[in-house]
C-alpha cells in the first residue's frame, strides 16, 4: 500500500510540474494600462502572453468601434536624448493605429511623466493623457 502511494506520488510530480509550466506560459502580464475621462472616457490594457503583445482591451465611451482583431502589426520603439526618454508600442493594420506611450522628461528643471494613448483612423486623430492610475512596463520590452 505504501509503495503504491509513493509510486503514484512520484508519477504525479512530473504532471504537476508540466501543468504549472503550462499555466505560467499561458498567464498574461499587464504591460500598459490606461484610464482617463478626458476628452472622452477610455480604458486600455496591453498584455504580454508568452512572447506576444496583445491589445486586450480598448474601450472608448464614444461612437467609435475598433475591431482589436484587425490590429495585427505590433512595433516597439524607444527614443532617448539627454534628460528625455520615451517608449512606445504601436498596434496597426488597415489604416488604424493605436499608439501607447510612456514619456519621461527632466528638461527645463521640471519632471514630466506622461502615459498617453493615440488613436489614428483614416483622417481622424484622437489623443488621451492617462490618469494617475496608469501603469507602464514598456521600458522592460526590447525594441522590435
Protein backbone atom coordinates (compact mmCIF):
# COMPACT_ATOMS: atom_id res chain seq x y z
CA UNK A 1 0.00 0.00 0.00
CA UNK A 2 2.74 2.44 0.94
CA UNK A 3 4.76 1.55 -2.14
CA UNK A 4 1.79 2.12 -4.44
CA UNK A 5 1.06 5.55 -2.87
CA UNK A 6 4.72 6.55 -3.15
CA UNK A 7 4.79 5.35 -6.76
CA UNK A 8 1.64 7.35 -7.55
CA UNK A 9 3.16 10.43 -5.94
CA UNK A 10 6.42 10.07 -7.89
CA UNK A 11 4.48 9.64 -11.12
CA UNK A 12 2.33 12.68 -10.34
CA UNK A 13 5.27 15.07 -9.75
CA UNK A 14 6.10 15.49 -13.47
CA UNK A 15 2.43 16.09 -14.26
CA UNK A 16 2.21 18.80 -11.61
CA UNK A 17 5.39 20.40 -12.96
CA UNK A 18 4.10 20.31 -16.56
CA UNK A 19 0.74 21.77 -15.52
CA UNK A 20 2.40 24.61 -13.62
CA UNK A 21 4.71 25.34 -16.58
CA UNK A 22 1.75 25.45 -18.96
CA UNK A 23 -0.15 27.74 -16.62
CA UNK A 24 2.87 30.06 -16.41
CA UNK A 25 3.20 30.15 -20.20
CA UNK A 26 -0.45 30.95 -20.76
CA UNK A 27 -0.78 33.56 -17.99
CA UNK A 28 -0.73 37.15 -19.09
CA UNK A 29 1.24 40.06 -17.70
CA UNK A 30 -0.16 43.60 -17.96
CA UNK A 31 2.39 45.78 -19.76
CA UNK A 32 0.40 49.01 -20.11
CA UNK A 33 -2.85 50.17 -18.59
CA UNK A 34 -4.61 53.48 -19.13
CA UNK A 35 -7.83 55.01 -17.84
CA UNK A 36 -8.98 58.56 -18.34
CA UNK A 37 -12.15 60.61 -18.58
CA UNK A 38 -10.82 63.42 -20.76
CA UNK A 39 -11.52 64.25 -23.54
CA UNK A 40 -13.62 61.07 -23.80
CA UNK A 41 -13.58 58.21 -21.25
CA UNK A 42 -11.32 55.31 -22.30
CA UNK A 43 -9.93 52.14 -20.82
CA UNK A 44 -6.99 50.38 -22.46
CA UNK A 45 -4.99 47.30 -21.45
CA UNK A 46 -1.95 45.84 -23.22
CA UNK A 47 -0.83 42.40 -22.06
CA UNK A 48 2.04 40.07 -22.78
CA UNK A 49 1.26 36.38 -23.17
CA UNK A 50 4.42 34.35 -23.72
CA UNK A 51 6.43 36.42 -26.20
CA UNK A 52 3.44 38.13 -27.82
CA UNK A 53 1.92 41.51 -27.01
CA UNK A 54 -1.84 41.93 -27.25
CA UNK A 55 -4.13 44.92 -27.15
CA UNK A 56 -6.54 43.17 -24.79
CA UNK A 57 -8.96 45.97 -24.15
CA UNK A 58 -9.68 49.33 -25.74
CA UNK A 59 -12.99 50.76 -24.67
CA UNK A 60 -13.95 54.24 -25.76
CA UNK A 61 -17.09 55.83 -24.36
CA UNK A 62 -17.94 57.27 -27.75
CA UNK A 63 -19.41 56.02 -31.01
CA UNK A 64 -16.07 54.60 -32.13
CA UNK A 65 -15.80 50.93 -32.95
CA UNK A 66 -12.41 49.27 -33.21
CA UNK A 67 -12.03 45.62 -34.01
CA UNK A 68 -8.99 44.67 -31.95
CA UNK A 69 -8.57 41.51 -34.01
CA UNK A 70 -7.66 43.67 -37.02
CA UNK A 71 -4.64 45.22 -35.27
CA UNK A 72 -2.12 42.50 -36.12
CA UNK A 73 1.06 44.52 -36.62
CA UNK A 74 2.94 45.44 -33.43
CA UNK A 75 6.06 47.61 -33.21
CA UNK A 76 8.02 48.69 -30.11
CA UNK A 77 10.30 51.72 -30.26
CA UNK A 78 12.27 53.86 -27.84
CA UNK A 79 13.68 57.36 -28.00
CA UNK A 80 16.33 58.78 -25.72
CA UNK A 81 18.24 62.03 -25.50
CA UNK A 82 19.70 63.84 -22.57
CA UNK A 83 17.02 64.11 -19.85
CA UNK A 84 14.25 62.61 -22.05
CA UNK A 85 13.13 59.00 -22.55
CA UNK A 86 10.08 57.75 -24.43
CA UNK A 87 8.93 54.18 -25.03
CA UNK A 88 6.04 53.46 -27.36
CA UNK A 89 4.14 50.50 -28.69
CA UNK A 90 2.16 50.73 -31.93
CA UNK A 91 -0.65 48.38 -32.93
CA UNK A 92 -1.71 48.87 -36.53
CA UNK A 93 -3.41 47.40 -39.56
CA UNK A 94 -5.54 48.60 -42.44
CA UNK A 95 -5.40 52.35 -41.74
CA UNK A 96 -5.88 52.13 -37.97
CA UNK A 97 -3.11 52.83 -35.45
CA UNK A 98 -3.24 52.65 -31.67
CA UNK A 99 -0.09 54.04 -30.05
CA UNK A 100 0.59 53.74 -26.33
CA UNK A 101 3.46 55.77 -24.96
CA UNK A 102 5.42 56.22 -21.74
CA UNK A 103 7.20 59.59 -21.68
CA UNK A 104 9.65 60.85 -19.05
CA UNK A 105 11.46 64.20 -19.08
CA UNK A 106 13.61 66.22 -16.70
CA UNK A 107 14.08 69.13 -19.11
CA UNK A 108 13.66 72.74 -18.04
CA UNK A 109 14.06 71.88 -14.34
CA UNK A 110 10.69 70.10 -14.30
CA UNK A 111 9.91 66.40 -14.14
CA UNK A 112 7.25 65.30 -16.61
CA UNK A 113 5.83 61.77 -16.56
CA UNK A 114 3.07 61.00 -19.04
CA UNK A 115 1.41 57.87 -20.25
CA UNK A 116 -0.62 58.51 -23.38
CA UNK A 117 -2.79 56.81 -25.98
CA UNK A 118 -3.15 57.98 -29.57
CA UNK A 119 -5.75 56.62 -31.97
CA UNK A 120 -5.39 57.32 -35.69
CA UNK A 121 -8.11 56.21 -38.08
CA UNK A 122 -8.01 57.49 -41.65
CA UNK A 123 -8.20 61.30 -41.27
CA UNK A 124 -9.04 61.30 -37.55
CA UNK A 125 -6.54 61.51 -34.70
CA UNK A 126 -7.52 61.31 -31.02
CA UNK A 127 -5.16 61.74 -28.10
CA UNK A 128 -5.54 60.92 -24.39
CA UNK A 129 -3.30 61.52 -21.38
CA UNK A 130 -3.83 58.72 -18.87
CA UNK A 131 -4.82 59.44 -15.29
CA UNK A 132 -2.71 58.74 -12.19
CA UNK A 133 -3.81 55.08 -12.04
CA UNK A 134 -1.99 54.31 -15.31
CA UNK A 135 0.91 51.87 -15.32
CA UNK A 136 3.57 51.01 -17.84
CA UNK A 137 6.27 48.38 -18.23
CA UNK A 138 7.16 49.41 -21.79
CA UNK A 139 10.75 50.14 -20.76
CA UNK A 140 11.22 46.45 -19.93
CA UNK A 141 10.50 45.37 -23.53
CA UNK A 142 13.22 45.36 -26.17
CA UNK A 143 12.59 47.35 -29.36
CA UNK A 144 11.49 45.37 -32.42
